[in-house]
Protein backbone atom coordinates (compact mmCIF):
# COMPACT_ATOMS: atom_id res chain seq x y z
CA MET A 1 130.79 44.95 33.77
CA ASP A 2 129.23 44.76 37.25
CA ILE A 3 126.75 42.45 38.67
CA LYS A 4 123.66 44.97 38.25
CA GLU A 5 124.92 45.28 34.73
CA PHE A 6 125.05 41.76 33.75
CA ILE A 7 121.72 41.11 34.94
CA GLU A 8 120.22 43.90 33.06
CA ILE A 9 122.17 42.39 29.77
CA LEU A 10 121.02 38.88 30.45
CA ARG A 11 117.38 39.89 31.11
CA ASN A 12 117.43 41.83 27.51
CA LYS A 13 119.12 39.11 25.62
CA SER A 14 117.23 36.24 27.13
CA LYS A 15 113.55 37.51 27.72
CA VAL A 16 113.52 35.01 30.37
CA GLU A 17 111.91 35.31 33.67
CA PHE A 18 114.22 34.47 36.77
CA ASP A 19 114.85 35.37 40.09
CA VAL A 20 118.09 36.82 41.32
CA GLN A 21 120.07 36.48 44.72
CA GLN A 22 122.84 38.63 45.63
CA HIS A 23 124.35 37.70 48.69
CA SER A 24 127.94 39.35 48.24
CA PRO A 25 129.26 42.13 45.72
CA LYS A 26 131.25 39.09 43.74
CA ARG A 27 128.39 36.52 44.06
CA VAL A 28 125.08 36.43 42.13
CA TYR A 29 122.44 33.24 42.14
CA ILE A 30 120.05 33.16 39.25
CA ARG A 31 117.06 30.47 39.39
CA ILE A 32 115.61 29.35 36.14
CA ASN A 33 113.02 27.13 35.09
CA ARG A 34 114.90 23.91 33.52
CA GLU A 35 113.33 25.03 30.08
CA ASN A 36 115.36 27.94 29.96
CA LEU A 37 118.49 26.46 30.94
CA LYS A 38 120.18 25.73 27.73
CA GLN A 39 119.39 29.37 26.37
CA ILE A 40 120.45 31.05 29.57
CA ALA A 41 123.70 29.14 29.66
CA GLN A 42 124.77 29.98 26.02
CA ILE A 43 124.37 33.82 26.86
CA ILE A 44 126.32 33.59 29.97
CA PHE A 45 128.82 31.42 28.10
CA LYS A 46 129.05 32.18 24.61
CA ASP A 47 127.79 35.51 24.40
CA LEU A 48 128.94 37.17 27.77
CA GLY A 49 132.23 35.25 27.83
CA ALA A 50 132.05 33.76 31.14
CA LYS A 51 134.15 30.83 32.23
CA PHE A 52 132.26 27.18 33.23
CA SER A 53 133.71 26.27 36.44
CA ILE A 54 131.78 23.41 37.71
CA SER A 55 128.31 22.04 38.24
CA THR A 56 126.92 20.63 41.38
CA GLY A 57 123.66 18.78 42.17
CA ILE A 58 121.77 18.27 45.31
CA HIS A 59 118.57 16.36 46.27
CA ILE A 60 116.15 18.46 47.75
CA ARG A 61 112.75 18.46 49.06
CA GLU A 62 111.25 19.70 45.67
CA GLY A 63 113.36 17.64 43.54
CA PHE A 64 117.01 17.49 42.40
CA GLU A 65 118.63 21.01 42.06
CA VAL A 66 121.57 21.26 39.73
CA LEU A 67 123.99 24.39 39.97
CA TYR A 68 126.14 25.87 37.21
CA HIS A 69 128.94 27.91 38.30
CA PHE A 70 130.59 30.32 35.98
CA THR A 71 133.22 33.21 36.58
CA PHE A 72 133.58 36.18 35.21
CA ASP A 73 137.52 36.77 35.73
CA LYS A 74 138.01 40.11 34.39
CA ASP A 75 134.94 41.48 36.15
CA GLN A 76 135.61 39.54 39.55
CA PHE A 77 132.42 37.92 40.25
CA ILE A 78 130.97 34.31 39.77
CA CYS A 79 127.47 33.68 38.68
CA THR A 80 125.60 30.49 39.71
CA VAL A 81 122.59 29.36 37.69
CA ARG A 82 120.11 27.00 39.76
CA THR A 83 117.55 25.04 38.17
CA LEU A 84 115.29 22.07 39.26
CA ALA A 85 114.59 18.73 37.93
CA PRO A 86 111.47 17.49 39.71
CA HIS A 87 111.56 14.04 41.51
CA ASP A 88 108.92 12.63 39.06
CA ASP A 89 110.78 13.83 35.84
CA PRO A 90 114.35 14.10 36.99
CA VAL A 91 115.31 15.45 33.27
CA LEU A 92 117.36 18.47 32.12
CA ASP A 93 118.77 19.57 28.97
CA SER A 94 122.21 18.50 28.68
CA LEU A 95 124.86 21.66 28.11
CA ALA A 96 127.44 19.37 26.39
CA THR A 97 126.95 21.07 22.95
CA VAL A 98 127.09 24.60 24.35
CA ILE A 99 129.78 24.05 26.87
CA PRO A 100 132.00 21.06 26.03
CA GLY A 101 133.58 21.13 29.75
CA THR A 102 130.07 19.83 30.88
CA LEU A 103 130.53 16.34 29.32
CA TRP A 104 131.99 14.62 32.58
CA ILE A 105 130.36 16.55 35.12
CA GLU A 106 126.80 15.76 33.87
CA ARG A 107 127.80 12.07 33.65
CA GLU A 108 128.74 12.16 37.48
CA ILE A 109 125.39 14.14 38.42
CA HIS A 110 123.65 11.25 36.52
CA ASP A 111 125.68 8.68 38.50
CA ILE A 112 125.07 9.88 42.04
CA LEU A 113 121.80 11.48 41.72
CA GLY A 114 119.99 10.05 38.58
CA VAL A 115 119.43 13.29 36.95
CA GLN A 116 119.10 12.44 32.93
CA PHE A 117 120.78 15.12 30.27
CA THR A 118 118.88 14.94 27.32
CA GLY A 119 120.99 15.25 24.48
CA HIS A 120 124.08 14.28 26.24
CA PRO A 121 126.41 12.50 23.45
CA ARG A 122 127.79 10.13 25.82
CA MET A 123 125.68 9.18 29.05
CA LYS A 124 127.55 6.37 30.06
CA ARG A 125 128.85 5.48 34.05
CA LEU A 126 131.59 7.63 34.75
CA VAL A 127 131.95 7.14 38.80
CA LYS A 128 129.28 4.92 39.70
CA SER A 129 130.33 1.72 41.24
CA GLU A 130 129.46 -1.52 39.58
CA PHE A 131 127.85 -2.43 42.73
CA LEU A 132 125.10 -0.36 42.19
CA GLU A 133 122.03 -1.13 40.33
CA GLU A 134 120.99 1.19 37.45
CA ASN A 135 118.30 2.63 39.40
CA GLU A 136 120.24 2.98 42.52
CA PHE A 137 122.01 6.60 43.06
CA PRO A 138 124.24 7.09 46.12
CA PHE A 139 123.55 10.75 46.91
CA ARG A 140 119.79 10.63 46.86
CA LYS A 141 118.21 11.09 50.41
CA ASP A 142 116.29 7.71 49.94
CA PHE A 143 119.42 5.58 49.35
CA ASP A 144 119.81 3.33 52.09
CA ILE A 145 123.60 2.90 52.86
CA GLN A 146 122.86 0.16 55.24
CA LYS A 147 121.03 -1.92 53.18
CA PHE A 148 123.41 -1.59 50.44
CA LYS A 149 126.09 -2.71 52.68
CA GLU A 150 124.26 -5.80 53.85
CA LYS A 151 123.56 -6.55 50.19
CA HIS A 152 127.19 -6.42 49.32
CA GLY A 153 128.78 -7.66 52.48
CA LEU A 154 130.53 -4.53 53.12
CA LEU A 155 131.38 -4.16 56.65
CA THR A 156 132.91 -1.46 58.67
CA GLN A 157 135.86 -2.01 60.75
CA LYS A 158 133.96 -1.85 63.97
CA GLN A 159 131.35 -4.66 62.63
CA ILE A 160 134.29 -6.60 61.55
CA GLN A 161 135.73 -6.46 65.44
CA GLU A 162 132.33 -7.42 66.38
CA GLN A 163 132.18 -10.38 64.44
CA ALA A 164 135.58 -11.34 65.29
CA LYS A 165 134.39 -11.57 68.91
CA LYS A 166 131.77 -13.84 68.32
């Protein structure tokens, strides 16, 4: 199967609207509404046999974009599914019941960006420091690292040297 066939199969199986971007012969990006995430992931992972590689999350102007990266090793291409959780409702369906490999990465994305994954079986801290409050997320654009350092007495080497001179 090539990317064109993959897109056709995905459209027919899902009956869901999505945007497609192909930047190279080996890579395709699919942008979907968050309501369709679980259905699309199930088709890609279970029906079409892709391997789940990893998820990534990023804070963008519109909200929190989460990307799910899948590989089709036999067919030698990568599909990235992109979806958005808006600022005022940073919630996505968990894929943990469909793809067990998402258990930890959804916890990590929650810790660093604050995206909630509905239906996740064990949504507890994974990587977040005990110094961080429940509503502080270090990969958000509005996270004030200087304020955090001051609050917890964390100084850079340069700041330590400057204080020693005084």
